[in-house]
N, C-alpha and C. Protein backbone atom coordinates (compact mmCIF):
# COMPACT_ATOMS: atom_id res chain seq x y z
N MET A 1 99.14 71.29 110.40
CA MET A 1 99.65 70.22 109.60
C MET A 1 100.27 70.75 108.31
N LEU A 2 99.60 71.73 107.71
CA LEU A 2 100.11 72.30 106.47
C LEU A 2 101.40 73.09 106.69
N VAL A 3 101.48 73.72 107.85
CA VAL A 3 102.70 74.48 108.17
C VAL A 3 103.87 73.53 108.35
N ILE A 4 103.61 72.41 108.95
CA ILE A 4 104.67 71.41 109.14
C ILE A 4 105.13 70.89 107.78
N ALA A 5 104.17 70.66 106.89
CA ALA A 5 104.53 70.18 105.55
C ALA A 5 105.34 71.23 104.80
N GLN A 6 105.03 72.51 105.00
CA GLN A 6 105.82 73.56 104.36
C GLN A 6 107.23 73.60 104.92
N ALA A 7 107.34 73.43 106.23
CA ALA A 7 108.66 73.45 106.86
C ALA A 7 109.51 72.27 106.38
N LEU A 8 108.87 71.15 106.13
CA LEU A 8 109.56 69.95 105.66
C LEU A 8 109.38 69.75 104.16
N ARG A 9 109.30 70.84 103.43
CA ARG A 9 109.00 70.78 102.00
C ARG A 9 109.92 69.86 101.21
N PRO A 10 111.22 69.92 101.40
CA PRO A 10 112.09 69.01 100.62
C PRO A 10 111.79 67.54 100.89
N VAL A 11 111.52 67.22 102.15
CA VAL A 11 111.23 65.83 102.51
C VAL A 11 109.90 65.39 101.90
N VAL A 12 108.91 66.28 101.99
CA VAL A 12 107.58 65.97 101.47
C VAL A 12 107.62 65.84 99.95
N LYS A 13 108.44 66.67 99.28
CA LYS A 13 108.58 66.57 97.82
C LYS A 13 109.22 65.24 97.42
N LYS A 14 110.23 64.86 98.16
CA LYS A 14 110.88 63.58 97.84
C LYS A 14 109.95 62.41 98.06
N ALA A 15 109.07 62.52 99.06
CA ALA A 15 108.12 61.44 99.34
C ALA A 15 106.98 61.42 98.32
N GLY A 16 106.83 62.51 97.56
CA GLY A 16 105.79 62.57 96.53
C GLY A 16 104.43 63.05 97.02
N PHE A 17 104.40 63.66 98.18
CA PHE A 17 103.12 64.15 98.73
C PHE A 17 102.90 65.64 98.53
N TRP A 18 103.81 66.34 97.87
CA TRP A 18 103.72 67.79 97.76
C TRP A 18 102.45 68.23 97.00
N GLY A 19 102.06 67.52 95.98
CA GLY A 19 100.83 67.86 95.25
C GLY A 19 99.60 67.73 96.13
N SER A 20 99.57 66.70 96.95
CA SER A 20 98.44 66.52 97.87
C SER A 20 98.40 67.62 98.92
N VAL A 21 99.55 68.02 99.40
CA VAL A 21 99.62 69.09 100.40
C VAL A 21 99.11 70.40 99.80
N ARG A 22 99.50 70.70 98.58
CA ARG A 22 99.04 71.92 97.92
C ARG A 22 97.54 71.90 97.69
N THR A 23 97.01 70.76 97.26
CA THR A 23 95.57 70.63 97.05
C THR A 23 94.81 70.81 98.37
N LEU A 24 95.30 70.20 99.42
CA LEU A 24 94.68 70.34 100.73
C LEU A 24 94.73 71.79 101.22
N ALA A 25 95.85 72.46 100.98
CA ALA A 25 95.98 73.86 101.39
C ALA A 25 95.01 74.75 100.62
N ARG A 26 94.86 74.53 99.33
CA ARG A 26 93.91 75.33 98.53
C ARG A 26 92.48 75.09 99.01
N GLY A 27 92.14 73.86 99.28
CA GLY A 27 90.81 73.56 99.80
C GLY A 27 90.53 74.24 101.13
N TYR A 28 91.53 74.23 101.99
CA TYR A 28 91.40 74.89 103.29
C TYR A 28 91.17 76.39 103.11
N GLU A 29 91.93 77.01 102.21
CA GLU A 29 91.77 78.45 101.97
C GLU A 29 90.39 78.77 101.42
N ILE A 30 89.88 77.94 100.53
CA ILE A 30 88.56 78.16 99.96
C ILE A 30 87.48 78.06 101.04
N VAL A 31 87.55 77.01 101.85
CA VAL A 31 86.55 76.82 102.90
C VAL A 31 86.59 77.96 103.90
N MET A 32 87.78 78.36 104.33
CA MET A 32 87.89 79.45 105.30
C MET A 32 87.41 80.77 104.69
N GLY A 33 87.71 81.00 103.43
CA GLY A 33 87.23 82.21 102.76
C GLY A 33 85.72 82.25 102.70
N LEU A 34 85.10 81.13 102.39
CA LEU A 34 83.64 81.08 102.35
C LEU A 34 83.04 81.30 103.74
N LEU A 35 83.64 80.68 104.74
CA LEU A 35 83.12 80.84 106.10
C LEU A 35 83.24 82.28 106.59
N LEU A 36 84.30 82.96 106.20
CA LEU A 36 84.51 84.32 106.69
C LEU A 36 83.77 85.37 105.87
N PHE A 37 83.75 85.22 104.55
CA PHE A 37 83.23 86.29 103.71
C PHE A 37 81.76 86.13 103.33
N THR A 38 81.20 84.94 103.43
CA THR A 38 79.78 84.77 103.09
C THR A 38 78.88 85.59 104.02
N PRO A 39 79.06 85.54 105.33
CA PRO A 39 78.21 86.39 106.19
C PRO A 39 78.41 87.88 105.92
N VAL A 40 79.62 88.29 105.64
CA VAL A 40 79.88 89.71 105.35
C VAL A 40 79.17 90.13 104.07
N ALA A 41 79.27 89.32 103.04
CA ALA A 41 78.60 89.63 101.77
C ALA A 41 77.09 89.62 101.94
N PHE A 42 76.56 88.69 102.71
CA PHE A 42 75.12 88.61 102.94
C PHE A 42 74.63 89.86 103.68
N LEU A 43 75.33 90.26 104.72
CA LEU A 43 74.91 91.44 105.49
C LEU A 43 75.11 92.74 104.72
N ALA A 44 76.01 92.77 103.77
CA ALA A 44 76.25 93.99 102.99
C ALA A 44 75.07 94.34 102.10
N TRP A 45 74.18 93.41 101.84
CA TRP A 45 73.01 93.67 101.01
C TRP A 45 71.95 94.48 101.75
N PHE A 46 71.95 94.46 103.07
CA PHE A 46 70.93 95.16 103.84
C PHE A 46 71.36 96.61 104.09
N PRO A 47 70.46 97.56 103.86
CA PRO A 47 70.83 98.98 104.03
C PRO A 47 71.07 99.36 105.49
N PHE A 48 70.40 98.72 106.44
CA PHE A 48 70.59 99.10 107.84
C PHE A 48 72.01 98.81 108.33
N VAL A 49 72.67 97.84 107.72
CA VAL A 49 74.04 97.51 108.13
C VAL A 49 74.97 98.67 107.77
N SER A 50 74.78 99.25 106.60
CA SER A 50 75.60 100.39 106.18
C SER A 50 75.39 101.58 107.12
N GLU A 51 74.14 101.85 107.47
CA GLU A 51 73.86 102.95 108.39
C GLU A 51 74.47 102.68 109.76
N PHE A 52 74.38 101.45 110.21
CA PHE A 52 74.95 101.07 111.50
C PHE A 52 76.47 101.24 111.50
N GLN A 53 77.12 100.81 110.39
CA GLN A 53 78.57 100.96 110.28
C GLN A 53 78.96 102.43 110.31
N THR A 54 78.23 103.25 109.58
CA THR A 54 78.54 104.68 109.55
C THR A 54 78.40 105.28 110.93
N ARG A 55 77.34 104.93 111.63
CA ARG A 55 77.11 105.47 112.97
C ARG A 55 78.20 105.00 113.94
N MET A 56 78.61 103.74 113.83
CA MET A 56 79.65 103.24 114.72
C MET A 56 81.00 103.88 114.44
N LEU A 57 81.33 104.06 113.15
CA LEU A 57 82.62 104.63 112.79
C LEU A 57 82.71 106.11 113.14
N PHE A 58 81.61 106.85 112.94
CA PHE A 58 81.68 108.30 113.08
C PHE A 58 80.85 108.81 114.24
N ASN A 59 80.58 107.96 115.23
CA ASN A 59 79.75 108.36 116.36
C ASN A 59 80.36 109.55 117.10
N GLN A 60 81.64 109.49 117.32
CA GLN A 60 82.30 110.59 118.04
C GLN A 60 82.24 111.87 117.22
N ALA A 61 82.43 111.75 115.91
CA ALA A 61 82.36 112.93 115.05
C ALA A 61 80.95 113.51 115.02
N PHE A 62 79.93 112.66 114.99
CA PHE A 62 78.55 113.15 115.03
C PHE A 62 78.30 113.90 116.33
N SER A 63 78.77 113.34 117.44
CA SER A 63 78.55 114.00 118.73
C SER A 63 79.27 115.33 118.78
N ARG A 64 80.50 115.37 118.32
CA ARG A 64 81.25 116.63 118.31
C ARG A 64 80.59 117.64 117.38
N GLY A 65 80.10 117.16 116.25
CA GLY A 65 79.44 118.05 115.30
C GLY A 65 78.22 118.71 115.91
N LEU A 66 77.48 117.96 116.69
CA LEU A 66 76.31 118.52 117.35
C LEU A 66 76.72 119.56 118.38
N GLN A 67 77.78 119.28 119.12
CA GLN A 67 78.24 120.24 120.12
C GLN A 67 78.77 121.50 119.45
N ILE A 68 79.51 121.34 118.38
CA ILE A 68 80.06 122.50 117.67
C ILE A 68 78.94 123.33 117.06
N SER A 69 77.92 122.68 116.52
CA SER A 69 76.82 123.43 115.93
C SER A 69 76.08 124.23 116.99
N ARG A 70 75.98 123.72 118.20
CA ARG A 70 75.35 124.48 119.29
C ARG A 70 76.19 125.71 119.65
N ILE A 71 77.52 125.52 119.68
CA ILE A 71 78.40 126.63 120.03
C ILE A 71 78.38 127.69 118.94
N LEU A 72 78.51 127.24 117.69
CA LEU A 72 78.54 128.20 116.58
C LEU A 72 77.18 128.82 116.32
N GLY A 73 76.14 128.08 116.63
CA GLY A 73 74.79 128.57 116.37
C GLY A 73 74.39 129.71 117.29
N GLY A 74 74.89 129.71 118.49
CA GLY A 74 74.52 130.74 119.44
C GLY A 74 73.07 130.62 119.87
N HIS A 75 72.59 131.65 120.54
CA HIS A 75 71.21 131.67 121.00
C HIS A 75 70.33 132.30 119.93
N ARG A 76 69.15 131.82 119.78
CA ARG A 76 68.24 132.36 118.77
C ARG A 76 67.78 133.76 119.15
N LYS A 77 67.65 134.04 120.42
CA LYS A 77 67.21 135.37 120.85
C LYS A 77 68.21 136.43 120.41
N ASP A 78 69.51 136.12 120.50
CA ASP A 78 70.55 137.07 120.08
C ASP A 78 70.47 137.31 118.59
N ARG A 79 70.24 136.29 117.84
CA ARG A 79 70.17 136.41 116.38
C ARG A 79 68.99 137.29 115.96
N THR A 80 67.85 137.05 116.56
CA THR A 80 66.67 137.80 116.16
C THR A 80 66.79 139.26 116.57
N SER A 81 67.41 139.52 117.72
CA SER A 81 67.57 140.91 118.15
C SER A 81 68.54 141.64 117.26
N ARG A 82 69.56 140.99 116.76
CA ARG A 82 70.51 141.64 115.85
C ARG A 82 69.87 142.00 114.52
N HIS A 83 69.00 141.12 114.04
CA HIS A 83 68.38 141.38 112.76
C HIS A 83 67.33 142.47 112.83
N LYS A 84 66.73 142.66 114.00
CA LYS A 84 65.69 143.69 114.15
C LYS A 84 66.30 145.09 114.17
N GLU A 85 67.54 145.21 114.65
CA GLU A 85 68.15 146.54 114.77
C GLU A 85 68.56 147.05 113.47
């Protein structure tokens, strides 16, 4: 409805409803902002959400890091034998 009013802006202005359309649009934006951002703000207070986000974002990097550390680490038997010589 608001998009239609924007498309017909000159007509709506002449009819004198433009102020009402703007007020309705602002109210819609406020309500939608509250509906979308209130749960996000509420969940941001909990520490487990941050840990979960980090794990989800960098899961592949964590897995690769573990594989690379195994490759670079080598076998412990080889390390101890080198240090004994």
